[in-house]
């Protein structure tokens, strides 16, 4: 979903943020690398799904590229 809650200590440790769709993954990787605990909290949310048309596939393709970029840049640290 991209929703995150964190303390000021974590916020300061994971900034600056990555740009694009990989921002959440970048925050998570940095937080784990710095020894912070990650916890998933169930919530009731909905979002608008992208369609199975060219626009939807291009959107997901851009997300994929951004996520791969973050993994390559942050994942090995």
Protein backbone atom coordinates (compact mmCIF):
# COMPACT_ATOMS: atom_id res chain seq x y z
CA UNK A 1 0.00 0.00 0.00
CA UNK A 2 2.91 2.32 0.59
CA UNK A 3 1.66 3.33 4.03
CA UNK A 4 4.37 3.60 6.67
CA UNK A 5 4.46 4.73 10.30
CA UNK A 6 7.76 5.30 12.05
CA UNK A 7 9.42 7.12 14.89
CA UNK A 8 11.48 10.24 14.30
CA UNK A 9 14.61 8.15 14.95
CA UNK A 10 13.74 5.79 12.09
CA UNK A 11 12.71 8.67 9.83
CA UNK A 12 16.07 10.36 10.32
CA UNK A 13 17.89 7.05 9.72
CA UNK A 14 16.16 6.25 6.41
CA UNK A 15 16.30 9.66 4.76
CA UNK A 16 16.91 10.83 2.13
CA UNK A 17 14.13 8.91 0.43
CA UNK A 18 14.42 7.28 -2.96
CA UNK A 19 12.32 8.72 -5.73
CA UNK A 20 9.65 6.87 -7.65
CA UNK A 21 7.81 3.69 -6.84
CA UNK A 22 10.73 2.18 -4.94
CA UNK A 23 10.51 4.67 -2.07
CA UNK A 24 8.76 2.26 0.33
CA UNK A 25 11.13 -0.59 -0.43
CA UNK A 26 14.12 1.73 0.00
CA UNK A 27 12.86 2.83 3.42
CA UNK A 28 12.31 -0.76 4.49
CA UNK A 29 15.75 -1.93 3.35
CA UNK A 30 17.50 0.99 5.07
CA UNK A 31 15.56 0.44 8.30
CA UNK A 32 16.43 -3.26 8.38
CA UNK A 33 20.08 -2.59 7.57
CA UNK A 34 20.24 -0.17 10.50
CA UNK A 35 18.75 -2.72 12.89
CA UNK A 36 15.22 -1.40 13.23
CA UNK A 37 12.28 -3.76 13.64
CA UNK A 38 9.64 -3.92 10.91
CA UNK A 39 6.10 -4.87 11.83
CA UNK A 40 3.08 -5.32 9.60
CA UNK A 41 -0.16 -3.91 10.98
CA UNK A 42 -3.41 -5.09 9.38
CA UNK A 43 -5.70 -2.32 8.18
CA UNK A 44 -8.77 -2.02 6.03
CA UNK A 45 -7.95 -0.10 2.86
CA UNK A 46 -8.90 -0.11 -0.77
CA UNK A 47 -7.15 1.24 -3.83
CA UNK A 48 -7.89 1.72 -7.48
CA UNK A 49 -6.37 -1.13 -9.43
CA UNK A 50 -4.74 -0.47 -12.76
CA UNK A 51 -6.39 -2.10 -15.73
CA UNK A 52 -5.17 -4.84 -18.02
CA UNK A 53 -4.61 -2.39 -20.84
CA UNK A 54 -1.48 -0.70 -22.20
CA UNK A 55 -1.66 2.10 -19.63
CA UNK A 56 -1.89 -0.41 -16.76
CA UNK A 57 1.00 -2.51 -18.06
CA UNK A 58 3.17 0.58 -18.53
CA UNK A 59 2.38 1.67 -14.97
CA UNK A 60 3.37 -1.72 -13.53
CA UNK A 61 6.47 -1.78 -15.74
CA UNK A 62 7.60 1.54 -14.30
CA UNK A 63 6.99 0.22 -10.79
CA UNK A 64 9.07 -2.86 -11.59
CA UNK A 65 12.00 -0.82 -12.92
CA UNK A 66 11.99 1.43 -9.83
CA UNK A 67 11.89 -1.55 -7.45
CA UNK A 68 14.75 -3.32 -9.26
CA UNK A 69 16.78 -0.10 -9.14
CA UNK A 70 16.32 0.16 -5.36
CA UNK A 71 17.22 -3.49 -4.80
CA UNK A 72 20.40 -3.09 -6.84
CA UNK A 73 21.41 0.14 -5.08
CA UNK A 74 20.33 -0.56 -1.50
CA UNK A 75 20.08 -4.33 -1.23
CA UNK A 76 23.78 -5.08 -1.23
CA UNK A 77 24.81 -2.59 1.46
